[in-house]
C-alpha atoms as a PDB file:
ATOM      1  CA  MET A   1     136.046  57.136 124.055  1.00  0.00           C
ATOM      2  CA  SER A   2     139.848  57.279 125.417  1.00  0.00           C
ATOM      3  CA  LEU A   3     141.229  60.514 126.275  1.00  0.00           C
ATOM      4  CA  PHE A   4     145.291  60.694 126.370  1.00  0.00           C
ATOM      5  CA  HIS A   5     145.833  61.645 130.412  1.00  0.00           C
ATOM      6  CA  ALA A   6     144.537  59.865 133.025  1.00  0.00           C
ATOM      7  CA  VAL A   7     144.908  58.921 136.996  1.00  0.00           C
ATOM      8  CA  ALA A   8     144.226  55.833 138.504  1.00  0.00           C
ATOM      9  CA  TRP A   9     144.011  55.540 142.457  1.00  0.00           C
ATOM     10  CA  VAL A  10     144.091  52.110 143.571  1.00  0.00           C
ATOM     11  CA  ASP A  11     143.898  49.876 146.601  1.00  0.00           C
ATOM     12  CA  HIS A  12     143.739  46.188 146.997  1.00  0.00           C
ATOM     13  CA  HIS A  13     139.818  46.552 147.046  1.00  0.00           C
ATOM     14  CA  ALA A  14     138.802  48.849 144.470  1.00  0.00           C
ATOM     15  CA  ALA A  15     140.371  51.584 141.800  1.00  0.00           C
ATOM     16  CA  GLN A  16     139.320  54.451 140.256  1.00  0.00           C
ATOM     17  CA  VAL A  17     140.575  55.587 136.610  1.00  0.00           C
ATOM     18  CA  PHE A  18     139.556  58.668 135.440  1.00  0.00           C
ATOM     19  CA  GLN A  19     140.574  60.164 131.879  1.00  0.00           C
ATOM     20  CA  PHE A  20     140.433  63.716 131.437  1.00  0.00           C
ATOM     21  CA  ASP A  21     141.596  66.706 129.152  1.00  0.00           C
ATOM     22  CA  ALA A  22     140.911  70.160 129.070  1.00  0.00           C
ATOM     23  CA  SER A  23     137.352  70.033 129.072  1.00  0.00           C
ATOM     24  CA  GLN A  24     136.027  66.595 130.442  1.00  0.00           C
ATOM     25  CA  VAL A  25     136.265  63.537 132.986  1.00  0.00           C
ATOM     26  CA  LEU A  26     135.527  60.146 132.156  1.00  0.00           C
ATOM     27  CA  ALA A  27     135.306  58.082 135.312  1.00  0.00           C
ATOM     28  CA  GLN A  28     135.378  54.468 135.629  1.00  0.00           C
ATOM     29  CA  GLN A  29     135.387  51.921 138.722  1.00  0.00           C
ATOM     30  CA  VAL A  30     136.715  48.493 139.198  1.00  0.00           C
ATOM     31  CA  ARG A  31     135.919  46.856 142.228  1.00  0.00           C
ATOM     32  CA  GLU A  32     137.373  43.455 143.484  1.00  0.00           C
ATOM     33  CA  HIS A  33     135.508  40.197 143.236  1.00  0.00           C
ATOM     34  CA  ALA A  34     136.468  37.721 146.188  1.00  0.00           C
ATOM     35  CA  ARG A  35     137.310  34.517 144.904  1.00  0.00           C
ATOM     36  CA  TYR A  36     139.612  32.181 147.079  1.00  0.00           C
ATOM     37  CA  THR A  37     141.342  29.005 145.799  1.00  0.00           C
ATOM     38  CA  ARG A  38     140.708  25.855 147.527  1.00  0.00           C
ATOM     39  CA  GLN A  39     144.100  24.799 147.444  1.00  0.00           C
ATOM     40  CA  HIS A  40     145.605  27.406 148.779  1.00  0.00           C
ATOM     41  CA  GLY A  41     143.204  29.274 150.892  1.00  0.00           C
ATOM     42  CA  SER A  42     144.904  32.400 148.550  1.00  0.00           C
ATOM     43  CA  SER A  43     143.144  35.224 147.601  1.00  0.00           C
ATOM     44  CA  VAL A  44     146.188  35.976 145.066  1.00  0.00           C
ATOM     45  CA  ARG A  45     144.206  35.120 142.081  1.00  0.00           C
ATOM     46  CA  SER A  46     141.265  37.469 143.045  1.00  0.00           C
ATOM     47  CA  GLU A  47     144.024  40.328 143.277  1.00  0.00           C
ATOM     48  CA  HIS A  48     145.439  39.379 140.095  1.00  0.00           C
ATOM     49  CA  GLU A  49     141.858  39.252 138.374  1.00  0.00           C
ATOM     50  CA  PHE A  50     141.231  42.724 140.215  1.00  0.00           C
ATOM     51  CA  PHE A  51     144.378  44.086 138.816  1.00  0.00           C
ATOM     52  CA  GLY A  52     144.116  42.992 135.552  1.00  0.00           C
ATOM     53  CA  GLU A  53     140.735  44.793 135.232  1.00  0.00           C
ATOM     54  CA  VAL A  54     142.428  47.934 136.192  1.00  0.00           C
ATOM     55  CA  CYS A  55     144.638  47.767 133.389  1.00  0.00           C
ATOM     56  CA  ASP A  56     141.727  47.185 131.426  1.00  0.00           C
ATOM     57  CA  ALA A  57     140.035  50.291 132.224  1.00  0.00           C
ATOM     58  CA  MET A  58     143.400  51.841 131.213  1.00  0.00           C
ATOM     59  CA  LYS A  59     143.516  50.643 127.605  1.00  0.00           C
ATOM     60  CA  GLY A  60     143.746  53.490 124.908  1.00  0.00           C
ATOM     61  CA  VAL A  61     145.115  55.868 127.701  1.00  0.00           C
ATOM     62  CA  ALA A  62     148.542  57.089 126.422  1.00  0.00           C
ATOM     63  CA  GLN A  63     149.802  58.468 129.821  1.00  0.00           C
ATOM     64  CA  VAL A  64     148.671  57.316 133.218  1.00  0.00           C
ATOM     65  CA  LEU A  65     149.922  58.399 136.721  1.00  0.00           C
ATOM     66  CA  VAL A  66     149.058  55.748 139.154  1.00  0.00           C
ATOM     67  CA  THR A  67     148.332  56.660 142.767  1.00  0.00           C
ATOM     68  CA  GLY A  68     147.516  55.009 145.914  1.00  0.00           C
ATOM     69  CA  SER A  69     149.220  54.062 148.858  1.00  0.00           C
ATOM     70  CA  HIS A  70     153.198  52.621 148.840  1.00  0.00           C
ATOM     71  CA  THR A  71     151.900  49.091 149.564  1.00  0.00           C
ATOM     72  CA  THR A  72     149.587  48.952 146.905  1.00  0.00           C
ATOM     73  CA  GLN A  73     151.321  50.358 144.313  1.00  0.00           C
ATOM     74  CA  ALA A  74     154.129  47.995 144.994  1.00  0.00           C
ATOM     75  CA  ASP A  75     151.944  45.464 144.527  1.00  0.00           C
ATOM     76  CA  PHE A  76     150.039  46.505 141.406  1.00  0.00           C
ATOM     77  CA  ARG A  77     153.645  47.662 139.739  1.00  0.00           C
ATOM     78  CA  HIS A  78     154.898  44.073 140.439  1.00  0.00           C
ATOM     79  CA  TYR A  79     151.801  42.654 138.593  1.00  0.00           C
ATOM     80  CA  VAL A  80     151.756  45.358 135.671  1.00  0.00           C
ATOM     81  CA  ASP A  81     155.536  44.570 135.262  1.00  0.00           C
ATOM     82  CA  LYS A  82     155.126  40.842 135.127  1.00  0.00           C
ATOM     83  CA  HIS A  83     151.656  40.198 133.634  1.00  0.00           C
ATOM     84  CA  ARG A  84     151.175  43.120 131.497  1.00  0.00           C
ATOM     85  CA  PRO A  85     153.961  44.750 130.081  1.00  0.00           C
ATOM     86  CA  GLU A  86     151.949  47.032 127.436  1.00  0.00           C
ATOM     87  CA  VAL A  87     150.320  48.723 130.264  1.00  0.00           C
ATOM     88  CA  ALA A  88     153.682  49.509 132.199  1.00  0.00           C
ATOM     89  CA  ARG A  89     154.900  51.538 128.601  1.00  0.00           C
ATOM     90  CA  GLN A  90     151.653  53.651 129.504  1.00  0.00           C
ATOM     91  CA  ILE A  91     152.107  54.559 133.299  1.00  0.00           C
ATOM     92  CA  VAL A  92     154.532  57.402 133.530  1.00  0.00           C
ATOM     93  CA  GLY A  93     154.301  58.012 137.138  1.00  0.00           C
ATOM     94  CA  TRP A  94     153.409  56.616 140.501  1.00  0.00           C
ATOM     95  CA  GLU A  95     152.775  58.988 143.488  1.00  0.00           C
ATOM     96  CA  THR A  96     151.597  57.687 146.771  1.00  0.00           C
ATOM     97  CA  VAL A  97     148.790  59.441 148.426  1.00  0.00           C
ATOM     98  CA  GLN A  98     145.838  59.152 150.870  1.00  0.00           C
ATOM     99  CA  ARG A  99     142.537  58.722 149.523  1.00  0.00           C
ATOM    100  CA  MET A 100     141.291  61.811 147.764  1.00  0.00           C
ATOM    101  CA  SER A 101     138.288  63.165 145.956  1.00  0.00           C
ATOM    102  CA  THR A 102     137.641  62.929 142.134  1.00  0.00           C
ATOM    103  CA  ASN A 103     138.446  66.599 141.710  1.00  0.00           C
ATOM    104  CA  GLU A 104     141.972  66.113 143.656  1.00  0.00           C
ATOM    105  CA  LEU A 105     143.042  63.301 142.158  1.00  0.00           C
ATOM    106  CA  VAL A 106     142.452  65.347 138.409  1.00  0.00           C
ATOM    107  CA  ALA A 107     143.987  68.226 139.949  1.00  0.00           C
ATOM    108  CA  LEU A 108     147.081  66.526 141.038  1.00  0.00           C
ATOM    109  CA  ALA A 109     147.113  64.474 137.622  1.00  0.00           C
ATOM    110  CA  ARG A 110     146.946  67.720 135.450  1.00  0.00           C
ATOM    111  CA  ARG A 111     149.637  69.316 137.626  1.00  0.00           C
ATOM    112  CA  TYR A 112     151.687  66.138 137.082  1.00  0.00           C
ATOM    113  CA  PHE A 113     151.332  65.931 133.551  1.00  0.00           C
ATOM    114  CA  ALA A 114     151.956  70.027 133.117  1.00  0.00           C
ATOM    115  CA  VAL A 115     155.070  69.758 135.100  1.00  0.00           C
ATOM    116  CA  HIS A 116     156.611  66.549 133.530  1.00  0.00           C
ATOM    117  CA  GLU A 117     155.248  67.214 129.740  1.00  0.00           C
ATOM    118  CA  GLY A 118     157.306  70.596 130.385  1.00  0.00           C
ATOM    119  CA  MET A 119     160.255  68.618 131.381  1.00  0.00           C
ATOM    120  CA  ALA A 120     160.156  66.619 128.120  1.00  0.00           C
ATOM    121  CA  ALA A 121     159.806  69.594 125.697  1.00  0.00           C
ATOM    122  CA  PRO A 122     162.231  70.016 123.530  1.00  0.00           C
ATOM    123  CA  MET A 123     164.742  73.132 124.129  1.00  0.00           C
ATOM    124  CA  LYS A 124     164.235  76.229 121.577  1.00  0.00           C
ATOM    125  CA  ALA A 125     166.994  77.253 119.995  1.00  0.00           C
ATOM    126  CA  GLY A 126     168.027  80.880 121.010  1.00  0.00           C
END
């Protein structure tokens, strides 16, 4: 079941995606799987696979607010823009935050969407 809004908290090792509406919150957890390539001794492949799983967790959600540290957001945004342009269209905002509780994240996202949807509403002629 997909809901219209979600907030995702992402770092380089774990992510939480909370889909919500007025009455419910559905949570998904994504964890990094450490795999290093022998060629370069690099974790790039693992990070790409992890970020791909985060994108998969957002599937079907119309609007997503992405939260996390500035560095993680920059890395995730680069991945999304380059490898998952369809997900980039779902992401309507980026907020730099420290680790927050589920309730704090959902409250932040509810306020974010309320403000931004109000700004997007057409002006009524008087």
